[in-house]
N, C-alpha and C. Protein backbone atom coordinates (compact mmCIF):
# COMPACT_ATOMS: atom_id res chain seq x y z
N MET A 1 32.41 -13.76 -25.65
CA MET A 1 31.39 -14.07 -24.67
C MET A 1 30.04 -13.58 -25.20
N ASN A 2 29.09 -14.45 -25.18
CA ASN A 2 27.72 -14.12 -25.58
C ASN A 2 26.80 -14.83 -24.60
N LEU A 3 26.26 -14.07 -23.65
CA LEU A 3 25.52 -14.67 -22.54
C LEU A 3 24.19 -13.96 -22.37
N SER A 4 23.11 -14.72 -22.23
CA SER A 4 21.82 -14.12 -21.90
C SER A 4 21.44 -14.50 -20.48
N ILE A 5 20.83 -13.55 -19.78
CA ILE A 5 20.51 -13.71 -18.37
C ILE A 5 19.05 -13.32 -18.15
N LEU A 6 18.32 -14.18 -17.46
CA LEU A 6 16.96 -13.88 -17.03
C LEU A 6 17.03 -13.49 -15.56
N GLY A 7 16.71 -12.24 -15.27
CA GLY A 7 16.65 -11.76 -13.90
C GLY A 7 15.22 -11.84 -13.39
N ILE A 8 15.08 -12.23 -12.13
CA ILE A 8 13.74 -12.38 -11.55
C ILE A 8 13.68 -11.67 -10.20
N ASP A 9 12.64 -10.85 -10.04
CA ASP A 9 12.32 -10.21 -8.77
C ASP A 9 11.03 -10.83 -8.28
N PRO A 10 11.12 -11.85 -7.40
CA PRO A 10 9.92 -12.61 -7.03
C PRO A 10 8.96 -11.81 -6.16
N GLY A 11 7.68 -12.04 -6.38
CA GLY A 11 6.65 -11.41 -5.58
C GLY A 11 5.44 -12.33 -5.50
N THR A 12 4.66 -12.20 -4.45
CA THR A 12 3.51 -13.09 -4.28
C THR A 12 2.37 -12.74 -5.22
N LYS A 13 2.28 -11.48 -5.65
CA LYS A 13 1.23 -11.08 -6.58
C LYS A 13 1.80 -10.61 -7.92
N ILE A 14 2.94 -9.94 -7.88
CA ILE A 14 3.61 -9.45 -9.09
C ILE A 14 5.07 -9.90 -9.03
N THR A 15 5.50 -10.57 -10.08
CA THR A 15 6.89 -10.99 -10.20
C THR A 15 7.49 -10.25 -11.39
N GLY A 16 8.63 -9.61 -11.15
CA GLY A 16 9.30 -8.90 -12.23
C GLY A 16 10.26 -9.82 -12.96
N TYR A 17 10.41 -9.57 -14.25
CA TYR A 17 11.41 -10.31 -15.03
C TYR A 17 12.17 -9.33 -15.92
N GLY A 18 13.40 -9.65 -16.20
CA GLY A 18 14.21 -8.85 -17.10
C GLY A 18 15.19 -9.77 -17.81
N VAL A 19 15.31 -9.60 -19.11
CA VAL A 19 16.21 -10.43 -19.90
C VAL A 19 17.26 -9.51 -20.52
N ILE A 20 18.52 -9.84 -20.29
CA ILE A 20 19.60 -9.04 -20.86
C ILE A 20 20.54 -9.95 -21.65
N LYS A 21 21.27 -9.33 -22.55
CA LYS A 21 22.30 -10.04 -23.33
C LYS A 21 23.62 -9.35 -23.04
N MET A 22 24.62 -10.16 -22.73
CA MET A 22 25.93 -9.64 -22.40
C MET A 22 26.93 -10.16 -23.43
N THR A 23 27.65 -9.24 -24.05
CA THR A 23 28.75 -9.62 -24.94
C THR A 23 30.04 -9.10 -24.32
N GLU A 24 31.13 -9.25 -25.02
CA GLU A 24 32.43 -8.81 -24.50
C GLU A 24 32.40 -7.32 -24.14
N ASN A 25 31.73 -6.51 -24.96
CA ASN A 25 31.80 -5.05 -24.80
C ASN A 25 30.47 -4.37 -24.49
N LYS A 26 29.38 -5.11 -24.44
CA LYS A 26 28.09 -4.47 -24.32
C LYS A 26 27.10 -5.32 -23.52
N ILE A 27 26.23 -4.63 -22.79
CA ILE A 27 25.12 -5.28 -22.11
C ILE A 27 23.85 -4.60 -22.61
N SER A 28 22.92 -5.37 -23.14
CA SER A 28 21.69 -4.78 -23.68
C SER A 28 20.46 -5.47 -23.09
N CYS A 29 19.38 -4.71 -23.04
CA CYS A 29 18.10 -5.21 -22.54
C CYS A 29 17.33 -5.81 -23.69
N LEU A 30 16.94 -7.08 -23.56
CA LEU A 30 16.12 -7.73 -24.57
C LEU A 30 14.63 -7.57 -24.28
N ASP A 31 14.27 -7.64 -23.00
CA ASP A 31 12.87 -7.54 -22.61
C ASP A 31 12.79 -7.41 -21.09
N TYR A 32 11.71 -6.85 -20.63
CA TYR A 32 11.43 -6.81 -19.19
C TYR A 32 9.95 -6.55 -18.99
N GLY A 33 9.48 -6.84 -17.79
CA GLY A 33 8.08 -6.61 -17.48
C GLY A 33 7.69 -7.30 -16.20
N ILE A 34 6.41 -7.57 -16.10
CA ILE A 34 5.90 -8.23 -14.90
C ILE A 34 5.06 -9.44 -15.29
N LEU A 35 5.02 -10.37 -14.37
CA LEU A 35 4.16 -11.55 -14.49
C LEU A 35 3.11 -11.40 -13.38
N LYS A 36 1.86 -11.35 -13.79
CA LYS A 36 0.79 -11.07 -12.85
C LYS A 36 -0.40 -11.95 -13.20
N THR A 37 -1.13 -12.32 -12.20
CA THR A 37 -2.33 -13.12 -12.43
C THR A 37 -3.47 -12.60 -11.57
N ASP A 38 -4.67 -12.81 -12.03
CA ASP A 38 -5.85 -12.42 -11.25
C ASP A 38 -6.31 -13.55 -10.33
N GLU A 39 -5.60 -14.65 -10.38
CA GLU A 39 -5.93 -15.84 -9.57
C GLU A 39 -5.93 -15.46 -8.08
N LYS A 40 -6.98 -15.82 -7.37
CA LYS A 40 -7.10 -15.47 -5.95
C LYS A 40 -6.29 -16.41 -5.06
N LYS A 41 -6.34 -17.71 -5.37
CA LYS A 41 -5.63 -18.69 -4.54
C LYS A 41 -4.15 -18.71 -4.91
N PHE A 42 -3.32 -18.84 -3.87
CA PHE A 42 -1.87 -18.85 -4.09
C PHE A 42 -1.46 -20.03 -4.98
N SER A 43 -2.10 -21.18 -4.81
CA SER A 43 -1.75 -22.34 -5.62
C SER A 43 -1.98 -22.06 -7.11
N GLY A 44 -3.02 -21.32 -7.44
CA GLY A 44 -3.28 -20.94 -8.83
C GLY A 44 -2.27 -19.94 -9.35
N ARG A 45 -1.87 -18.99 -8.47
CA ARG A 45 -0.85 -18.01 -8.88
C ARG A 45 0.47 -18.71 -9.15
N ILE A 46 0.82 -19.68 -8.31
CA ILE A 46 2.06 -20.43 -8.51
C ILE A 46 2.02 -21.19 -9.83
N GLN A 47 0.91 -21.81 -10.11
CA GLN A 47 0.78 -22.57 -11.36
C GLN A 47 0.93 -21.64 -12.57
N ASN A 48 0.28 -20.49 -12.53
CA ASN A 48 0.40 -19.52 -13.63
C ASN A 48 1.82 -18.99 -13.76
N LEU A 49 2.44 -18.71 -12.62
CA LEU A 49 3.81 -18.21 -12.64
C LEU A 49 4.76 -19.25 -13.24
N HIS A 50 4.56 -20.50 -12.89
CA HIS A 50 5.38 -21.57 -13.45
C HIS A 50 5.26 -21.60 -14.98
N THR A 51 4.05 -21.50 -15.48
CA THR A 51 3.83 -21.48 -16.93
C THR A 51 4.55 -20.29 -17.56
N ASP A 52 4.46 -19.12 -16.92
CA ASP A 52 5.09 -17.91 -17.45
C ASP A 52 6.61 -18.02 -17.45
N ILE A 53 7.18 -18.53 -16.37
CA ILE A 53 8.64 -18.67 -16.27
C ILE A 53 9.13 -19.68 -17.32
N LYS A 54 8.41 -20.77 -17.46
CA LYS A 54 8.76 -21.77 -18.46
C LYS A 54 8.74 -21.15 -19.87
N HIS A 55 7.70 -20.34 -20.14
CA HIS A 55 7.58 -19.67 -21.44
C HIS A 55 8.77 -18.72 -21.68
N LEU A 56 9.15 -17.92 -20.67
CA LEU A 56 10.27 -17.00 -20.81
C LEU A 56 11.57 -17.77 -21.09
N CYS A 57 11.75 -18.88 -20.40
CA CYS A 57 12.97 -19.69 -20.61
C CYS A 57 13.01 -20.27 -22.03
N LYS A 58 11.88 -20.72 -22.51
CA LYS A 58 11.83 -21.27 -23.87
C LYS A 58 12.00 -20.18 -24.92
N LYS A 59 11.42 -19.01 -24.68
CA LYS A 59 11.48 -17.91 -25.64
C LYS A 59 12.89 -17.32 -25.75
N TYR A 60 13.55 -17.08 -24.61
CA TYR A 60 14.83 -16.37 -24.61
C TYR A 60 16.05 -17.29 -24.45
N ARG A 61 15.82 -18.53 -24.06
CA ARG A 61 16.92 -19.47 -23.87
C ARG A 61 18.09 -18.88 -23.07
N PRO A 62 17.81 -18.40 -21.85
CA PRO A 62 18.90 -17.79 -21.07
C PRO A 62 19.94 -18.83 -20.67
N HIS A 63 21.17 -18.37 -20.60
CA HIS A 63 22.26 -19.23 -20.10
C HIS A 63 22.23 -19.29 -18.58
N HIS A 64 21.78 -18.18 -17.97
CA HIS A 64 21.72 -18.07 -16.51
C HIS A 64 20.39 -17.48 -16.07
N ILE A 65 19.94 -17.90 -14.89
CA ILE A 65 18.83 -17.24 -14.20
C ILE A 65 19.41 -16.66 -12.91
N ALA A 66 19.12 -15.38 -12.68
CA ALA A 66 19.54 -14.72 -11.45
C ALA A 66 18.28 -14.23 -10.75
N ILE A 67 18.18 -14.52 -9.47
CA ILE A 67 16.97 -14.17 -8.72
C ILE A 67 17.36 -13.44 -7.44
N GLU A 68 16.47 -12.53 -7.04
CA GLU A 68 16.68 -11.85 -5.77
C GLU A 68 16.33 -12.82 -4.65
N LYS A 69 17.21 -12.91 -3.66
CA LYS A 69 16.98 -13.80 -2.52
C LYS A 69 15.72 -13.40 -1.76
N VAL A 70 15.12 -14.39 -1.15
CA VAL A 70 13.93 -14.16 -0.34
C VAL A 70 14.33 -13.38 0.90
N PHE A 71 13.61 -12.30 1.16
CA PHE A 71 13.84 -11.46 2.33
C PHE A 71 12.75 -11.77 3.35
N PHE A 72 13.14 -12.10 4.56
CA PHE A 72 12.19 -12.52 5.58
C PHE A 72 11.25 -11.40 6.00
N GLY A 73 11.78 -10.22 6.26
CA GLY A 73 10.94 -9.08 6.65
C GLY A 73 10.14 -9.33 7.91
N ASN A 74 8.97 -8.76 7.97
CA ASN A 74 8.12 -8.86 9.17
C ASN A 74 7.03 -9.91 9.05
N ASN A 75 6.87 -10.49 7.87
CA ASN A 75 5.75 -11.40 7.66
C ASN A 75 6.24 -12.78 7.23
N PRO A 76 6.27 -13.73 8.15
CA PRO A 76 6.75 -15.08 7.82
C PRO A 76 5.93 -15.75 6.72
N ASP A 77 4.63 -15.46 6.65
CA ASP A 77 3.79 -16.07 5.63
C ASP A 77 4.24 -15.63 4.23
N THR A 78 4.55 -14.35 4.08
CA THR A 78 5.04 -13.84 2.79
C THR A 78 6.37 -14.48 2.45
N ALA A 79 7.27 -14.57 3.42
CA ALA A 79 8.57 -15.20 3.18
C ALA A 79 8.39 -16.66 2.75
N PHE A 80 7.46 -17.35 3.37
CA PHE A 80 7.18 -18.74 3.02
C PHE A 80 6.70 -18.84 1.57
N LYS A 81 5.78 -17.95 1.18
CA LYS A 81 5.27 -17.94 -0.20
C LYS A 81 6.36 -17.58 -1.19
N LEU A 82 7.21 -16.62 -0.85
CA LEU A 82 8.33 -16.26 -1.72
C LEU A 82 9.30 -17.43 -1.87
N GLY A 83 9.42 -18.21 -0.81
CA GLY A 83 10.26 -19.41 -0.87
C GLY A 83 9.73 -20.40 -1.90
N HIS A 84 8.42 -20.51 -2.00
CA HIS A 84 7.81 -21.37 -3.02
C HIS A 84 8.15 -20.87 -4.43
N ILE A 85 8.08 -19.56 -4.62
CA ILE A 85 8.39 -18.98 -5.92
C ILE A 85 9.86 -19.20 -6.25
N PHE A 86 10.72 -19.01 -5.26
CA PHE A 86 12.15 -19.25 -5.44
C PHE A 86 12.39 -20.71 -5.88
N ALA A 87 11.75 -21.64 -5.19
CA ALA A 87 11.90 -23.07 -5.51
C ALA A 87 11.38 -23.38 -6.91
N LEU A 88 10.28 -22.77 -7.28
CA LEU A 88 9.72 -22.96 -8.62
C LEU A 88 10.74 -22.52 -9.69
N CYS A 89 11.37 -21.37 -9.48
CA CYS A 89 12.37 -20.86 -10.43
C CYS A 89 13.61 -21.75 -10.46
N LEU A 90 14.04 -22.20 -9.30
CA LEU A 90 15.19 -23.11 -9.22
C LEU A 90 14.89 -24.41 -9.96
N LEU A 91 13.73 -24.97 -9.73
CA LEU A 91 13.34 -26.22 -10.39
C LEU A 91 13.29 -26.05 -11.91
N GLU A 92 12.70 -24.96 -12.37
CA GLU A 92 12.61 -24.73 -13.82
C GLU A 92 14.00 -24.55 -14.43
N SER A 93 14.90 -23.89 -13.71
CA SER A 93 16.27 -23.74 -14.23
C SER A 93 16.94 -25.11 -14.36
N LYS A 94 16.71 -25.97 -13.39
CA LYS A 94 17.31 -27.31 -13.45
C LYS A 94 16.66 -28.14 -14.56
N ASN A 95 15.35 -28.02 -14.73
CA ASN A 95 14.66 -28.76 -15.79
C ASN A 95 15.16 -28.37 -17.18
N GLN A 96 15.58 -27.12 -17.32
CA GLN A 96 16.02 -26.64 -18.64
C GLN A 96 17.54 -26.47 -18.72
N ASN A 97 18.26 -27.00 -17.74
CA ASN A 97 19.73 -26.93 -17.71
C ASN A 97 20.26 -25.51 -17.81
N ILE A 98 19.68 -24.64 -17.01
CA ILE A 98 20.09 -23.24 -16.95
C ILE A 98 20.75 -23.02 -15.59
N GLU A 99 21.94 -22.40 -15.60
CA GLU A 99 22.62 -22.13 -14.33
C GLU A 99 21.81 -21.12 -13.51
N PHE A 100 21.82 -21.31 -12.20
CA PHE A 100 20.96 -20.54 -11.29
C PHE A 100 21.82 -19.80 -10.27
N PHE A 101 21.53 -18.52 -10.07
CA PHE A 101 22.29 -17.69 -9.12
C PHE A 101 21.31 -16.86 -8.31
N GLU A 102 21.71 -16.51 -7.09
CA GLU A 102 20.84 -15.72 -6.22
C GLU A 102 21.64 -14.60 -5.57
N TYR A 103 20.99 -13.47 -5.39
CA TYR A 103 21.64 -12.29 -4.83
C TYR A 103 20.72 -11.59 -3.84
N ALA A 104 21.31 -11.10 -2.76
CA ALA A 104 20.54 -10.33 -1.78
C ALA A 104 20.17 -8.98 -2.38
N SER A 105 19.03 -8.47 -1.99
CA SER A 105 18.51 -7.21 -2.51
C SER A 105 19.52 -6.07 -2.33
N ARG A 106 20.08 -5.95 -1.16
CA ARG A 106 21.06 -4.87 -0.90
C ARG A 106 22.29 -5.01 -1.79
N PHE A 107 22.71 -6.24 -2.02
CA PHE A 107 23.88 -6.47 -2.89
C PHE A 107 23.57 -6.01 -4.31
N VAL A 108 22.38 -6.34 -4.80
CA VAL A 108 21.95 -5.94 -6.14
C VAL A 108 21.95 -4.42 -6.24
N LYS A 109 21.31 -3.78 -5.28
CA LYS A 109 21.21 -2.32 -5.31
C LYS A 109 22.58 -1.66 -5.26
N LYS A 110 23.45 -2.17 -4.40
CA LYS A 110 24.79 -1.60 -4.30
C LYS A 110 25.57 -1.82 -5.59
N SER A 111 25.38 -2.95 -6.20
CA SER A 111 26.08 -3.28 -7.43
C SER A 111 25.69 -2.36 -8.58
N VAL A 112 24.42 -2.02 -8.67
CA VAL A 112 23.97 -1.23 -9.83
C VAL A 112 23.78 0.25 -9.55
N THR A 113 23.53 0.65 -8.30
CA THR A 113 23.30 2.07 -7.99
C THR A 113 24.36 2.62 -7.04
N PHE A 114 25.23 1.76 -6.54
CA PHE A 114 26.30 2.12 -5.62
C PHE A 114 25.80 2.43 -4.22
N SER A 115 24.53 2.11 -3.94
CA SER A 115 23.98 2.26 -2.60
C SER A 115 23.04 1.10 -2.32
N GLY A 116 23.32 0.37 -1.26
CA GLY A 116 22.49 -0.77 -0.89
C GLY A 116 21.13 -0.37 -0.36
N LYS A 117 20.92 0.92 -0.14
CA LYS A 117 19.64 1.40 0.40
C LYS A 117 18.80 2.13 -0.64
N SER A 118 19.10 1.94 -1.92
CA SER A 118 18.36 2.61 -2.99
C SER A 118 16.90 2.21 -2.97
N SER A 119 16.05 3.16 -3.28
CA SER A 119 14.62 2.88 -3.40
C SER A 119 14.34 2.22 -4.75
N LYS A 120 13.13 1.65 -4.88
CA LYS A 120 12.71 1.09 -6.17
C LYS A 120 12.77 2.17 -7.26
N GLU A 121 12.37 3.37 -6.91
CA GLU A 121 12.37 4.47 -7.87
C GLU A 121 13.78 4.81 -8.33
N MET A 122 14.71 4.88 -7.38
CA MET A 122 16.10 5.20 -7.73
C MET A 122 16.71 4.09 -8.60
N THR A 123 16.43 2.85 -8.24
CA THR A 123 16.93 1.72 -9.03
C THR A 123 16.32 1.76 -10.43
N GLY A 124 15.02 2.01 -10.52
CA GLY A 124 14.35 2.12 -11.81
C GLY A 124 14.93 3.23 -12.66
N HIS A 125 15.23 4.37 -12.05
CA HIS A 125 15.83 5.49 -12.76
C HIS A 125 17.20 5.11 -13.32
N PHE A 126 18.00 4.46 -12.49
CA PHE A 126 19.33 4.05 -12.94
C PHE A 126 19.23 3.06 -14.10
N ILE A 127 18.35 2.08 -13.95
CA ILE A 127 18.18 1.06 -15.00
C ILE A 127 17.69 1.70 -16.30
N ARG A 128 16.75 2.61 -16.18
CA ARG A 128 16.23 3.30 -17.37
C ARG A 128 17.36 4.02 -18.11
N ASN A 129 18.22 4.69 -17.36
CA ASN A 129 19.36 5.39 -17.98
C ASN A 129 20.40 4.43 -18.53
N PHE A 130 20.72 3.39 -17.78
CA PHE A 130 21.75 2.44 -18.21
C PHE A 130 21.38 1.79 -19.54
N PHE A 131 20.13 1.35 -19.65
CA PHE A 131 19.69 0.66 -20.87
C PHE A 131 19.05 1.61 -21.90
N SER A 132 19.08 2.90 -21.63
CA SER A 132 18.49 3.91 -22.52
C SER A 132 17.02 3.60 -22.83
N LEU A 133 16.28 3.24 -21.80
CA LEU A 133 14.85 2.98 -21.96
C LEU A 133 14.12 4.31 -21.97
N LYS A 134 13.23 4.52 -22.93
CA LYS A 134 12.52 5.79 -23.03
C LYS A 134 11.65 6.04 -21.81
N GLU A 135 10.97 5.00 -21.38
CA GLU A 135 10.12 5.09 -20.19
C GLU A 135 10.06 3.71 -19.56
N VAL A 136 9.72 3.68 -18.30
CA VAL A 136 9.59 2.41 -17.60
C VAL A 136 8.17 1.93 -17.79
N LYS A 137 8.03 0.72 -18.34
CA LYS A 137 6.67 0.18 -18.54
C LYS A 137 6.25 -0.62 -17.31
N GLY A 138 5.07 -0.34 -16.84
CA GLY A 138 4.50 -1.09 -15.72
C GLY A 138 5.15 -0.78 -14.39
N PRO A 139 4.80 -1.58 -13.38
CA PRO A 139 5.40 -1.42 -12.04
C PRO A 139 6.91 -1.61 -12.08
N LEU A 140 7.57 -1.12 -11.06
CA LEU A 140 9.03 -1.14 -11.01
C LEU A 140 9.62 -2.52 -10.76
N ASP A 141 8.80 -3.55 -10.60
CA ASP A 141 9.30 -4.90 -10.40
C ASP A 141 10.10 -5.36 -11.63
N GLY A 142 9.72 -4.89 -12.81
CA GLY A 142 10.45 -5.24 -14.03
C GLY A 142 11.85 -4.65 -14.04
N THR A 143 11.98 -3.39 -13.62
CA THR A 143 13.32 -2.79 -13.58
C THR A 143 14.14 -3.39 -12.44
N ASP A 144 13.48 -3.79 -11.36
CA ASP A 144 14.20 -4.50 -10.28
C ASP A 144 14.79 -5.81 -10.81
N ALA A 145 14.03 -6.51 -11.65
CA ALA A 145 14.52 -7.76 -12.23
C ALA A 145 15.68 -7.50 -13.18
N LEU A 146 15.61 -6.39 -13.94
CA LEU A 146 16.74 -6.02 -14.80
C LEU A 146 17.97 -5.72 -13.94
N ALA A 147 17.76 -5.10 -12.78
CA ALA A 147 18.88 -4.82 -11.86
C ALA A 147 19.52 -6.12 -11.38
N VAL A 148 18.70 -7.14 -11.10
CA VAL A 148 19.24 -8.44 -10.67
C VAL A 148 20.07 -9.04 -11.80
N ALA A 149 19.56 -8.99 -13.02
CA ALA A 149 20.29 -9.52 -14.17
C ALA A 149 21.60 -8.75 -14.39
N LEU A 150 21.53 -7.42 -14.29
CA LEU A 150 22.72 -6.59 -14.47
C LEU A 150 23.76 -6.88 -13.40
N CYS A 151 23.32 -6.99 -12.16
CA CYS A 151 24.21 -7.35 -11.05
C CYS A 151 24.92 -8.66 -11.37
N HIS A 152 24.15 -9.65 -11.83
CA HIS A 152 24.76 -10.94 -12.14
C HIS A 152 25.78 -10.80 -13.28
N SER A 153 25.48 -9.98 -14.27
CA SER A 153 26.42 -9.82 -15.38
C SER A 153 27.75 -9.25 -14.87
N TYR A 154 27.69 -8.29 -13.93
CA TYR A 154 28.92 -7.74 -13.33
C TYR A 154 29.68 -8.83 -12.58
N GLU A 155 28.96 -9.61 -11.78
CA GLU A 155 29.61 -10.65 -10.99
C GLU A 155 30.21 -11.73 -11.88
N TYR A 156 29.50 -12.09 -12.93
CA TYR A 156 30.00 -13.12 -13.85
C TYR A 156 31.24 -12.63 -14.59
N LYS A 157 31.22 -11.38 -15.01
CA LYS A 157 32.38 -10.81 -15.71
C LYS A 157 33.60 -10.78 -14.78
N LYS A 158 33.38 -10.44 -13.50
CA LYS A 158 34.47 -10.46 -12.53
C LYS A 158 35.04 -11.87 -12.39
N LYS A 159 34.15 -12.85 -12.32
CA LYS A 159 34.57 -14.25 -12.18
C LYS A 159 35.42 -14.68 -13.37
N ILE A 160 34.98 -14.36 -14.57
CA ILE A 160 35.72 -14.72 -15.79
C ILE A 160 37.08 -14.02 -15.80
N SER A 161 37.12 -12.75 -15.44
CA SER A 161 38.37 -12.00 -15.41
C SER A 161 39.35 -12.61 -14.41
N LEU A 162 38.84 -12.99 -13.24
CA LEU A 162 39.70 -13.62 -12.23
C LEU A 162 40.23 -14.97 -12.70
N GLN A 163 39.41 -15.73 -13.39
CA GLN A 163 39.86 -17.02 -13.92
C GLN A 163 40.96 -16.83 -14.96
N LYS A 164 40.81 -15.84 -15.83
CA LYS A 164 41.85 -15.55 -16.83
C LYS A 164 43.14 -15.12 -16.16
N LEU A 165 43.02 -14.26 -15.15
CA LEU A 165 44.18 -13.81 -14.41
C LEU A 165 44.88 -14.97 -13.72
N LYS A 166 44.11 -15.84 -13.13
CA LYS A 166 44.66 -17.00 -12.43
C LYS A 166 45.44 -17.90 -13.40
N ARG A 167 44.91 -18.09 -14.60
CA ARG A 167 45.61 -18.91 -15.59
C ARG A 167 46.92 -18.29 -16.03
N THR A 168 46.97 -16.96 -16.13
CA THR A 168 48.20 -16.30 -16.58
C THR A 168 49.24 -16.28 -15.47
N VAL A 169 48.81 -16.20 -14.23
CA VAL A 169 49.74 -16.17 -13.09
C VAL A 169 50.30 -17.55 -12.81
N LEU A 170 49.47 -18.57 -12.93
CA LEU A 170 49.90 -19.92 -12.63
C LEU A 170 50.52 -20.49 -13.83
């Protein structure tokens, strides 16, 4: 198994990304960071984000994209804008024939830190230790995106293991 995963933590001003490579015995971090623009209008930020996501897909050629699900929260306008970002990522995955997966924030946190209520700082600390990162560069949105990618790698490995088991039983 040799699989690369692009994890995305969508945001209206800062979007985190993390790229990992998963082999049979190892998961390694290829890159992570944030996508940010100084564009004031949301339409301009979306356009820039689309260019950045397209560039990441072309550069790393991920087999899968995993994204944190949109959380409604207290502000419907923010949720609506995050929905646009989600759709942009989904569309780009389809344009480049990349499988697309989505995970709830609490599920991601529980998967990687064993607590669905982990703070960004706690998640960042865990990710830094897991991937042996010397320091976290930039805002924690990048490590959140790595957490989404890592969560997906665990889920995908479980799926593959269950399929193998099913074939041996049947």
